[in-house]
Amino acid sequence: MEVSPSRSSRPTAARPQPSAADSNLAVPRRAVLRRVLGVAAGIGTHALFAVTVWYLFWFLKQGAGAATDGKYIVVDAGLAMLFALPHSLLLWPPVRRRLGRWVDGSFYGLLFTVVTCVTLLLLFAEWRESTRVLWEVGGTTATLVTACFYGSWVALLYSLHLTGLGYQTGLTPWLRWLRRQPQQRRGFQPRGAYRLFRHPVYLSFLGLIWFTPRMTADHAVLTAIWTVYIFLGSWLKDQRLAFYLGDAYRAYQARVPGYPMVYAGPLGCPADEVTDTDTPRPPSRRAA
């Protein structure tokens, strides 16, 4: 009696094994893809930033466009807060440390800029302008107020230049990644207006929202919320920099007020801060 061969005894075709060359090519392909995506992220983020700044200029100068008599306060207040809250949360050290598990430090500034731009663009698109005018000036007064508005933009660019615009938008860390250079600790060396007060950027931004020859009710909502946020953000920034820089920044706080002619309170020169600037202890944490 014939016995049919078992399935295991039948000859099977050998499965092709990946060659060493194929395995070696897989890693470079993934690296090239990550490189392409990283380059696109940097370019796209800064194109988005440029568009957002353009719209921000005209939004603050001319308003949202057509006025409405509808319920604007709740919507506009929510939109103003929508910009403020993520802006601070992304800079809060615990949040940044947690997100740093997924977002490389070279790209965290880009993430911050994208979130800021998206919330602002949403604000521009959905903002509801009121027909109620709280004040309106003309003639020489309007010219002076408008000049102060333009001057605030100049002051803002100057202040950002001093503190490093590339760090604000994530451009500097991204360029070091693009050039395959190691990231460097961000130095702390007050210069220019920062020798006079600690928050020139925030003071300049206050000018953008306050210097308007025509204050409508919706603009007043924006101005009120962002003014509170700017002062709160100034205090949070002091806490954040003291966290990262240690006694070097506390000594700076002790001798330089947060704003011109403010010498008391959390935005003044705290009396209990370190005053010995000759022997500051080295910071133990990496600066933001």
Protein backbone atom coordinates (compact mmCIF):
# COMPACT_ATOMS: atom_id res chain seq x y z
CA MET A 1 0.00 0.00 0.00
CA GLU A 2 1.35 3.37 -0.96
CA VAL A 3 1.76 5.95 1.69
CA SER A 4 1.25 9.50 0.55
CA PRO A 5 3.98 11.85 1.67
CA SER A 6 3.11 14.04 4.60
CA ARG A 7 2.64 17.76 4.14
CA SER A 8 5.76 18.41 6.14
CA SER A 9 7.83 16.26 3.88
CA ARG A 10 6.85 18.07 0.73
CA PRO A 11 9.43 20.46 -0.65
CA THR A 12 8.57 24.06 -0.04
CA ALA A 13 9.82 27.09 -1.87
CA ALA A 14 12.35 29.06 0.12
CA ARG A 15 11.08 32.46 1.25
CA PRO A 16 13.23 35.30 0.04
CA GLN A 17 15.06 36.93 2.91
CA PRO A 18 15.71 40.69 2.92
CA SER A 19 19.23 41.40 1.99
CA ALA A 20 21.58 43.41 4.14
CA ALA A 21 21.47 46.14 1.52
CA ASP A 22 17.66 46.39 1.80
CA SER A 23 17.86 46.63 5.59
CA ASN A 24 20.47 49.32 5.37
CA LEU A 25 18.33 51.31 2.93
CA ALA A 26 15.27 51.32 5.20
CA VAL A 27 16.89 53.50 7.85
CA PRO A 28 18.15 56.18 5.43
CA ARG A 29 14.71 56.31 3.79
CA ARG A 30 13.06 56.99 7.13
CA ALA A 31 15.73 59.55 7.93
CA VAL A 32 15.17 61.29 4.60
CA LEU A 33 11.42 61.34 5.20
CA ARG A 34 11.89 62.86 8.66
CA ARG A 35 14.25 65.39 7.17
CA VAL A 36 11.77 66.39 4.45
CA LEU A 37 8.94 66.70 6.98
CA GLY A 38 11.15 68.75 9.31
CA VAL A 39 12.11 71.17 6.53
CA ALA A 40 8.48 71.51 5.47
CA ALA A 41 7.44 72.15 9.07
CA GLY A 42 9.92 75.01 9.45
CA ILE A 43 9.05 76.69 6.16
CA GLY A 44 5.32 76.21 6.58
CA THR A 45 5.32 77.53 10.14
CA HIS A 46 7.06 80.75 9.23
CA ALA A 47 4.88 81.30 6.18
CA LEU A 48 1.89 80.92 8.50
CA PHE A 49 3.50 83.33 10.95
CA ALA A 50 3.99 85.98 8.25
CA VAL A 51 0.35 85.69 7.13
CA THR A 52 -0.88 85.93 10.72
CA VAL A 53 1.15 89.06 11.47
CA TRP A 54 -0.28 90.69 8.34
CA TYR A 55 -3.85 89.96 9.42
CA LEU A 56 -3.10 91.00 13.00
CA PHE A 57 -1.92 94.41 11.83
CA TRP A 58 -5.11 95.15 9.91
CA PHE A 59 -7.36 93.59 12.54
CA LEU A 60 -5.99 95.87 15.25
CA LYS A 61 -5.92 98.91 12.97
CA GLN A 62 -9.30 98.61 11.21
CA GLY A 63 -11.31 96.04 13.16
CA ALA A 64 -12.96 92.86 12.00
CA GLY A 65 -14.94 94.38 9.13
CA ALA A 66 -18.72 94.54 9.01
CA ALA A 67 -20.35 95.49 12.33
CA THR A 68 -23.15 93.51 13.91
CA ASP A 69 -25.79 94.19 16.53
CA GLY A 70 -25.82 90.56 17.66
CA LYS A 71 -24.52 89.09 20.88
CA TYR A 72 -20.84 89.77 20.50
CA ILE A 73 -19.55 89.90 24.08
CA VAL A 74 -19.61 86.17 24.86
CA VAL A 75 -18.22 85.15 21.47
CA ASP A 76 -15.51 87.80 21.41
CA ALA A 77 -14.50 87.18 25.02
CA GLY A 78 -14.20 83.47 24.29
CA LEU A 79 -12.07 84.12 21.22
CA ALA A 80 -9.79 86.46 23.17
CA MET A 81 -9.33 83.81 25.86
CA LEU A 82 -8.79 81.12 23.22
CA PHE A 83 -5.61 82.94 22.21
CA ALA A 84 -4.43 83.66 25.76
CA LEU A 85 -4.81 80.27 27.44
CA PRO A 86 -2.87 77.98 25.02
CA HIS A 87 -0.24 80.71 24.64
CA SER A 88 0.62 80.44 28.35
CA LEU A 89 0.00 76.72 28.80
CA LEU A 90 2.52 75.74 26.12
CA LEU A 91 5.19 77.76 27.93
CA TRP A 92 4.39 76.38 31.39
CA PRO A 93 7.34 74.13 32.38
CA PRO A 94 5.24 71.05 33.39
CA VAL A 95 3.32 71.16 30.09
CA ARG A 96 6.46 71.73 28.08
CA ARG A 97 8.19 68.86 29.86
CA ARG A 98 5.28 66.51 29.15
CA LEU A 99 4.95 67.50 25.49
CA GLY A 100 8.72 67.22 25.16
CA ARG A 101 8.29 63.45 25.26
CA TRP A 102 6.72 63.61 21.79
CA VAL A 103 8.01 66.91 20.36
CA ASP A 104 11.74 67.33 19.93
CA GLY A 105 13.19 70.52 21.43
CA SER A 106 14.24 71.70 17.97
CA PHE A 107 10.56 71.83 16.95
CA TYR A 108 8.82 72.92 20.14
CA GLY A 109 9.07 76.59 19.16
CA LEU A 110 7.41 75.74 15.84
CA LEU A 111 4.55 74.03 17.68
CA PHE A 112 4.12 77.10 19.89
CA THR A 113 4.02 79.38 16.84
CA VAL A 114 1.52 77.22 14.96
CA VAL A 115 -0.88 77.09 17.91
CA THR A 116 -0.55 80.87 18.40
CA CYS A 117 -1.20 81.56 14.71
CA VAL A 118 -4.16 79.18 14.43
CA THR A 119 -5.89 80.69 17.47
CA LEU A 120 -5.34 84.21 16.13
CA LEU A 121 -6.61 83.34 12.66
CA LEU A 122 -9.69 81.77 14.22
CA LEU A 123 -10.18 84.98 16.21
CA PHE A 124 -9.95 87.10 13.05
CA ALA A 125 -12.40 84.86 11.20
CA GLU A 126 -15.07 84.62 13.90
CA TRP A 127 -14.78 88.03 15.59
CA ARG A 128 -18.02 90.01 15.88
CA GLU A 129 -17.69 93.78 15.74
CA SER A 130 -20.08 95.98 17.66
CA THR A 131 -21.78 99.09 16.32
CA ARG A 132 -21.46 100.76 19.72
CA VAL A 133 -18.64 103.32 19.79
CA LEU A 134 -17.19 104.20 23.19
CA TRP A 135 -14.97 106.98 21.91
CA GLU A 136 -13.72 108.35 18.62
CA VAL A 137 -11.20 111.12 18.08
CA GLY A 138 -10.29 113.02 14.95
CA GLY A 139 -7.91 115.64 13.65
CA THR A 140 -4.55 116.03 15.35
CA THR A 141 -5.48 113.70 18.20
CA ALA A 142 -6.30 110.88 15.79
CA THR A 143 -3.01 111.47 14.00
CA LEU A 144 -1.08 111.28 17.27
CA VAL A 145 -2.89 108.12 18.39
CA THR A 146 -2.26 106.46 15.03
CA ALA A 147 1.42 107.46 15.20
CA CYS A 148 1.63 105.82 18.63
CA PHE A 149 0.06 102.67 17.14
CA TYR A 150 2.74 102.52 14.45
CA GLY A 151 5.38 103.35 17.04
CA SER A 152 4.21 100.38 19.12
CA TRP A 153 4.87 98.10 16.15
CA VAL A 154 8.39 99.50 15.84
CA ALA A 155 8.93 99.05 19.57
CA LEU A 156 7.62 95.49 19.36
CA LEU A 157 10.03 94.56 16.56
CA TYR A 158 12.89 96.23 18.43
CA SER A 159 12.07 94.35 21.63
CA LEU A 160 11.76 91.03 19.82
CA HIS A 161 15.12 91.69 18.19
CA LEU A 162 16.70 92.20 21.61
CA THR A 163 15.26 89.03 23.07
CA GLY A 164 15.77 86.99 19.92
CA LEU A 165 12.92 86.83 17.39
CA GLY A 166 14.22 83.45 16.23
CA TYR A 167 13.57 82.00 19.66
CA GLN A 168 10.07 83.48 19.75
CA THR A 169 9.05 81.75 16.50
CA GLY A 170 11.22 78.65 16.81
CA LEU A 171 13.38 79.70 13.87
CA THR A 172 16.72 79.62 15.73
CA PRO A 173 16.42 76.05 17.10
CA TRP A 174 15.02 74.87 13.77
CA LEU A 175 17.94 76.38 11.83
CA ARG A 176 20.42 74.63 14.13
CA TRP A 177 18.59 71.37 13.45
CA LEU A 178 18.64 72.11 9.71
CA ARG A 179 22.40 72.71 9.82
CA ARG A 180 22.91 69.61 11.99
CA GLN A 181 24.32 71.73 14.78
CA PRO A 182 23.80 70.94 18.48
CA GLN A 183 21.29 73.08 20.33
CA GLN A 184 22.78 75.72 22.61
CA ARG A 185 21.62 77.00 25.95
CA ARG A 186 19.87 80.31 25.50
CA GLY A 187 21.91 82.99 27.22
CA PHE A 188 20.62 85.71 29.52
CA GLN A 189 22.22 89.08 28.89
CA PRO A 190 19.89 92.08 29.30
CA ARG A 191 20.57 94.83 26.77
CA GLY A 192 18.86 97.85 25.33
CA ALA A 193 15.39 98.44 26.76
CA TYR A 194 15.77 95.34 28.93
CA ARG A 195 18.20 97.29 31.08
CA LEU A 196 15.36 99.69 31.94
CA PHE A 197 12.44 97.29 32.48
CA ARG A 198 11.84 93.56 32.17
CA HIS A 199 8.94 93.35 29.71
CA PRO A 200 9.41 95.63 26.66
CA VAL A 201 7.61 93.13 24.39
CA TYR A 202 4.49 93.14 26.53
CA LEU A 203 4.53 96.91 26.91
CA SER A 204 4.75 97.29 23.13
CA PHE A 205 1.81 94.93 22.68
CA LEU A 206 -0.24 96.99 25.12
CA GLY A 207 0.30 99.93 22.77
CA LEU A 208 -1.09 97.90 19.85
CA ILE A 209 -4.42 97.31 21.58
CA TRP A 210 -4.80 100.66 23.39
CA PHE A 211 -3.74 103.16 20.72
CA THR A 212 -6.83 103.32 18.54
CA PRO A 213 -8.66 106.50 17.49
CA ARG A 214 -11.97 104.60 17.49
CA MET A 215 -12.77 102.38 20.47
CA THR A 216 -15.78 100.17 19.79
CA ALA A 217 -17.38 97.98 22.44
CA ASP A 218 -15.93 94.78 20.97
CA HIS A 219 -12.45 96.33 20.82
CA ALA A 220 -12.88 97.30 24.48
CA VAL A 221 -13.62 93.63 25.30
CA LEU A 222 -10.45 92.58 23.50
CA THR A 223 -8.41 95.34 25.14
CA ALA A 224 -9.67 94.52 28.63
CA ILE A 225 -9.04 90.77 28.39
CA TRP A 226 -5.65 91.06 26.70
CA THR A 227 -4.51 93.77 29.13
CA VAL A 228 -5.25 91.51 32.10
CA TYR A 229 -3.58 88.63 30.28
CA ILE A 230 -0.48 90.68 29.47
CA PHE A 231 0.07 91.67 33.10
CA LEU A 232 -0.63 88.12 34.26
CA GLY A 233 1.63 86.80 31.52
CA SER A 234 4.39 89.17 32.65
CA TRP A 235 4.22 87.70 36.14
CA LEU A 236 4.18 84.15 34.75
CA LYS A 237 7.19 84.91 32.59
CA ASP A 238 9.08 86.19 35.63
CA GLN A 239 8.27 82.94 37.44
CA ARG A 240 9.26 80.86 34.43
CA LEU A 241 12.61 82.60 33.92
CA ALA A 242 13.38 82.44 37.62
CA PHE A 243 12.69 78.70 37.39
CA TYR A 244 15.06 78.22 34.45
CA LEU A 245 17.77 80.79 35.27
CA GLY A 246 17.74 80.79 39.04
CA ASP A 247 19.45 83.53 41.05
CA ALA A 248 20.78 85.28 37.95
CA TYR A 249 17.24 86.26 36.98
CA ARG A 250 16.15 86.96 40.56
CA ALA A 251 18.99 89.42 40.90
CA TYR A 252 17.85 91.05 37.66
CA GLN A 253 14.31 91.30 39.08
CA ALA A 254 15.64 92.95 42.21
CA ARG A 255 17.22 95.86 40.35
CA VAL A 256 15.05 96.24 37.20
CA PRO A 257 11.26 96.85 37.38
CA GLY A 258 8.82 94.94 35.21
CA TYR A 259 7.41 98.14 33.70
CA PRO A 260 8.47 101.79 33.78
CA MET A 261 7.85 103.46 37.14
CA VAL A 262 6.53 100.24 38.70
CA TYR A 263 8.65 99.53 41.77
CA ALA A 264 6.20 97.66 44.02
CA GLY A 265 4.22 94.46 43.72
CA PRO A 266 5.06 91.34 41.69
CA LEU A 267 5.92 93.41 38.59
CA GLY A 268 8.11 95.84 40.51
CA CYS A 269 11.41 95.08 42.20
CA PRO A 270 10.62 92.49 44.89
CA ALA A 271 12.48 93.33 48.07
CA ASP A 272 13.03 89.70 49.02
CA GLU A 273 14.78 88.71 45.81
CA VAL A 274 18.50 88.01 45.57
CA THR A 275 20.51 91.23 45.35
CA ASP A 276 24.04 89.86 45.21
CA THR A 277 24.77 89.98 41.49
CA ASP A 278 28.48 89.28 41.86
CA THR A 279 28.15 85.64 42.88
CA PRO A 280 24.99 84.19 41.36
CA ARG A 281 24.59 80.45 41.61
CA PRO A 282 24.66 78.67 38.25
CA PRO A 283 21.21 77.73 36.93
CA SER A 284 20.34 74.07 37.34
CA ARG A 285 17.73 73.94 34.61
CA ARG A 286 17.84 74.54 30.91
CA ALA A 287 16.45 77.88 29.84
CA ALA A 288 13.35 78.03 27.71
